[in-house]
Amino acid sequence: PAPPSEEEEEQEPQPKKKRHDLSVVGSIGMKFSGNMDTQAFNMVMATILRREAQNIFRSKGVLSFEGEGETKFVFQGVHEQIDFGPAKSPWKAGEERLNKLVFIGRGLERDELEGFIKLAQAPVSDEVMGKIQREFYDAMETGVTNAYEEEDAAFEEEGDEALAAAQVNSHPKPNPNPNPKPNPKPKPKPKP
């Protein structure tokens, strides 16, 4: 390569763009035949998303729930935030009820996720529901509440400091005499 010109040498170095290490990102897909139990599935997903909020970047799926007739459900999410509702088209007559879920993230354990989600397949026994509930309540007490919790706290702290500085700088200095008397009318100068 040619040596840099004088103009290139005089330019300030540009900051390097942040690069993300995608080598640790992977996806896990799973399929389950039949229907899912609505309450059990909701608790299972809430537990997973609470515990893995920092590791699950995206999730999506197609679901069939017991007692919901031909309604096909879809969900998609980013971290622990999920949008969930009926699909545009219902299950077709004779179509296999195949629940499909995909999780994209880092450090996710397929067997652990798949095993826990399988617990929500209908019918769910009282014993299994008890296990799901214990996991759910444990996650609600100890799980990660927000993937951005530390960033949010730092932003709030910076914001509070900036606000305090702005308030200090925007107020005039207090008058040392808290009860100033109005200036008396100027006395007329005596005429010579």
Protein backbone atom coordinates (compact mmCIF):
# COMPACT_ATOMS: atom_id res chain seq x y z
CA PRO A 1 0.00 0.00 0.00
CA ALA A 2 1.06 3.56 -0.73
CA PRO A 3 2.19 5.71 2.20
CA PRO A 4 -0.50 8.07 3.50
CA SER A 5 -0.63 11.53 1.99
CA GLU A 6 -0.14 14.65 4.13
CA GLU A 7 -3.90 15.26 4.11
CA GLU A 8 -4.57 11.72 5.37
CA GLU A 9 -1.96 12.09 8.12
CA GLU A 10 -3.52 15.36 9.31
CA GLN A 11 -7.03 13.90 9.62
CA GLU A 12 -8.02 12.76 13.06
CA PRO A 13 -8.48 9.01 13.36
CA GLN A 14 -12.12 7.93 13.10
CA PRO A 15 -13.53 6.00 16.04
CA LYS A 16 -13.86 2.29 15.28
CA LYS A 17 -17.37 1.01 14.82
CA LYS A 18 -18.57 -1.31 17.55
CA ARG A 19 -18.64 -4.87 16.33
CA HIS A 20 -20.81 -7.51 17.91
CA ASP A 21 -19.44 -10.99 18.46
CA LEU A 22 -22.05 -13.13 16.74
CA SER A 23 -20.12 -16.36 17.24
CA VAL A 24 -21.95 -17.03 20.50
CA VAL A 25 -25.42 -16.38 19.05
CA GLY A 26 -27.47 -19.39 18.08
CA SER A 27 -31.04 -20.50 17.58
CA ILE A 28 -33.10 -23.31 19.02
CA GLY A 29 -36.19 -24.54 17.22
CA MET A 30 -38.66 -27.05 18.61
CA LYS A 31 -41.94 -28.68 17.61
CA PHE A 32 -44.67 -30.26 19.73
CA SER A 33 -47.73 -32.06 18.39
CA GLY A 34 -51.13 -31.54 19.98
CA ASN A 35 -52.48 -28.71 22.09
CA MET A 36 -50.85 -26.68 24.80
CA ASP A 37 -52.53 -25.82 28.09
CA THR A 38 -53.06 -22.04 28.08
CA GLN A 39 -52.33 -21.34 31.75
CA ALA A 40 -49.37 -23.73 31.92
CA PHE A 41 -47.85 -22.37 28.69
CA ASN A 42 -48.19 -18.75 29.81
CA MET A 43 -46.48 -19.53 33.12
CA VAL A 44 -43.73 -21.54 31.39
CA MET A 45 -43.01 -18.75 28.90
CA ALA A 46 -43.08 -16.08 31.62
CA THR A 47 -40.60 -18.14 33.64
CA ILE A 48 -38.25 -18.69 30.70
CA LEU A 49 -38.35 -15.07 29.58
CA ARG A 50 -37.84 -13.81 33.12
CA ARG A 51 -34.81 -16.03 33.70
CA GLU A 52 -33.29 -15.66 30.24
CA ALA A 53 -34.19 -12.04 29.40
CA GLN A 54 -30.57 -11.09 28.75
CA ASN A 55 -29.87 -14.19 26.68
CA ILE A 56 -32.98 -14.48 24.51
CA PHE A 57 -32.79 -11.84 21.80
CA ARG A 58 -35.81 -12.96 19.79
CA SER A 59 -38.52 -15.57 20.09
CA LYS A 60 -41.41 -16.55 17.88
CA GLY A 61 -43.86 -19.35 17.44
CA VAL A 62 -47.12 -20.84 16.20
CA LEU A 63 -49.32 -22.47 18.82
CA SER A 64 -52.48 -24.51 19.31
CA PHE A 65 -54.28 -24.25 22.66
CA GLU A 66 -56.73 -26.70 24.18
CA GLY A 67 -60.28 -25.34 24.20
CA GLU A 68 -59.59 -22.68 21.53
CA GLY A 69 -61.18 -24.55 18.61
CA GLU A 70 -59.63 -23.82 15.22
CA THR A 71 -57.88 -20.62 16.36
CA LYS A 72 -54.17 -20.66 15.58
CA PHE A 73 -52.03 -18.42 17.79
CA VAL A 74 -48.75 -16.71 16.98
CA PHE A 75 -46.23 -14.86 19.11
CA GLN A 76 -43.04 -12.94 18.55
CA GLY A 77 -40.85 -11.20 21.04
CA VAL A 78 -37.68 -9.32 21.80
CA HIS A 79 -36.07 -10.18 25.13
CA GLU A 80 -38.91 -10.50 27.63
CA GLN A 81 -41.41 -8.41 25.66
CA ILE A 82 -43.85 -10.59 23.66
CA ASP A 83 -46.67 -9.79 21.27
CA PHE A 84 -49.16 -12.66 21.30
CA GLY A 85 -52.51 -13.19 19.57
CA PRO A 86 -54.57 -15.09 17.03
CA ALA A 87 -53.06 -15.73 13.60
CA LYS A 88 -54.69 -14.34 10.46
CA SER A 89 -55.81 -17.80 9.40
CA PRO A 90 -57.16 -20.64 11.57
CA TRP A 91 -56.00 -24.24 11.63
CA LYS A 92 -57.26 -25.99 8.49
CA ALA A 93 -59.58 -28.97 8.80
CA GLY A 94 -57.42 -32.06 9.30
CA GLU A 95 -54.20 -30.02 9.72
CA GLU A 96 -51.88 -31.44 12.37
CA ARG A 97 -51.74 -29.21 15.43
CA LEU A 98 -48.00 -28.64 15.39
CA ASN A 99 -46.69 -26.07 17.86
CA LYS A 100 -43.47 -24.49 16.61
CA LEU A 101 -41.19 -22.31 18.73
CA VAL A 102 -37.88 -20.62 17.92
CA PHE A 103 -35.54 -18.88 20.36
CA ILE A 104 -32.56 -16.85 19.14
CA GLY A 105 -29.95 -15.91 21.71
CA ARG A 106 -26.77 -16.88 23.47
CA GLY A 107 -26.02 -19.63 25.94
CA LEU A 108 -29.46 -21.24 25.63
CA GLU A 109 -29.77 -24.90 26.59
CA ARG A 110 -32.02 -26.81 24.18
CA ASP A 111 -32.81 -29.71 26.52
CA GLU A 112 -33.67 -27.40 29.40
CA LEU A 113 -35.94 -25.17 27.29
CA GLU A 114 -37.60 -28.03 25.46
CA GLY A 115 -38.14 -30.05 28.62
CA PHE A 116 -39.74 -27.14 30.43
CA ILE A 117 -42.00 -26.17 27.51
CA LYS A 118 -43.14 -29.80 27.08
CA LEU A 119 -44.61 -29.57 30.58
CA ALA A 120 -47.26 -27.22 29.15
CA GLN A 121 -48.64 -29.81 26.72
CA ALA A 122 -52.27 -30.58 27.46
CA PRO A 123 -53.50 -32.24 29.52
CA VAL A 124 -51.47 -30.95 32.46
CA SER A 125 -51.76 -32.90 35.70
CA ASP A 126 -52.07 -31.15 39.07
CA GLU A 127 -48.57 -32.39 39.95
CA VAL A 128 -47.05 -30.89 36.79
CA MET A 129 -48.98 -27.64 37.24
CA GLY A 130 -47.60 -27.44 40.78
CA LYS A 131 -44.05 -27.78 39.43
CA ILE A 132 -44.70 -25.10 36.79
CA GLN A 133 -46.14 -22.76 39.42
CA ARG A 134 -43.17 -23.26 41.77
CA GLU A 135 -40.76 -22.48 38.92
CA PHE A 136 -42.85 -19.47 37.93
CA TYR A 137 -43.01 -17.98 41.44
CA ASP A 138 -39.30 -18.63 41.98
CA ALA A 139 -38.49 -16.82 38.73
CA MET A 140 -40.73 -13.89 39.66
CA GLU A 141 -38.87 -13.50 42.96
CA THR A 142 -35.32 -14.04 41.74
CA GLY A 143 -35.29 -13.79 37.94
CA VAL A 144 -33.97 -11.00 35.78
CA THR A 145 -36.65 -8.34 35.64
CA ASN A 146 -35.42 -6.39 32.66
CA ALA A 147 -32.66 -7.05 30.17
CA TYR A 148 -31.70 -3.40 30.38
CA GLU A 149 -32.02 -2.95 34.16
CA GLU A 150 -28.40 -1.85 34.71
CA GLU A 151 -28.47 0.47 31.71
CA ASP A 152 -31.77 1.96 32.90
CA ALA A 153 -30.36 2.59 36.38
CA ALA A 154 -27.22 4.22 34.97
CA PHE A 155 -29.32 6.38 32.65
CA GLU A 156 -31.59 7.47 35.51
CA GLU A 157 -28.56 8.31 37.67
CA GLU A 158 -26.98 10.34 34.85
CA GLY A 159 -30.32 12.02 34.23
CA ASP A 160 -30.76 12.90 37.91
CA GLU A 161 -27.26 14.39 38.02
CA ALA A 162 -27.87 16.38 34.82
CA LEU A 163 -31.21 17.60 36.12
CA ALA A 164 -29.68 18.70 39.43
CA ALA A 165 -26.90 20.55 37.59
CA ALA A 166 -29.41 22.24 35.31
CA GLN A 167 -31.52 23.36 38.26
CA VAL A 168 -28.51 24.77 40.06
CA ASN A 169 -27.37 26.65 36.97
CA SER A 170 -30.81 27.92 36.00
CA HIS A 171 -31.73 29.59 39.28
CA PRO A 172 -30.38 33.04 40.11
CA LYS A 173 -28.26 33.33 43.20
CA PRO A 174 -30.33 34.13 46.24
CA ASN A 175 -30.53 37.70 47.43
CA PRO A 176 -28.48 38.03 50.64
CA ASN A 177 -31.12 40.41 51.97
CA PRO A 178 -34.29 38.31 52.12
CA ASN A 179 -36.56 41.30 52.84
CA PRO A 180 -35.33 44.09 50.65
CA LYS A 181 -37.00 47.44 51.07
CA PRO A 182 -38.03 49.12 47.91
CA ASN A 183 -35.72 51.85 46.77
CA PRO A 184 -37.04 55.19 48.01
CA LYS A 185 -37.86 57.80 45.44
CA PRO A 186 -34.74 59.76 44.62
CA LYS A 187 -34.54 63.03 46.44
CA PRO A 188 -34.59 66.03 44.17
CA LYS A 189 -31.29 67.81 43.91
CA PRO A 190 -31.30 71.29 45.49
CA LYS A 191 -31.17 74.06 42.96
CA PRO A 192 -28.27 76.45 43.35
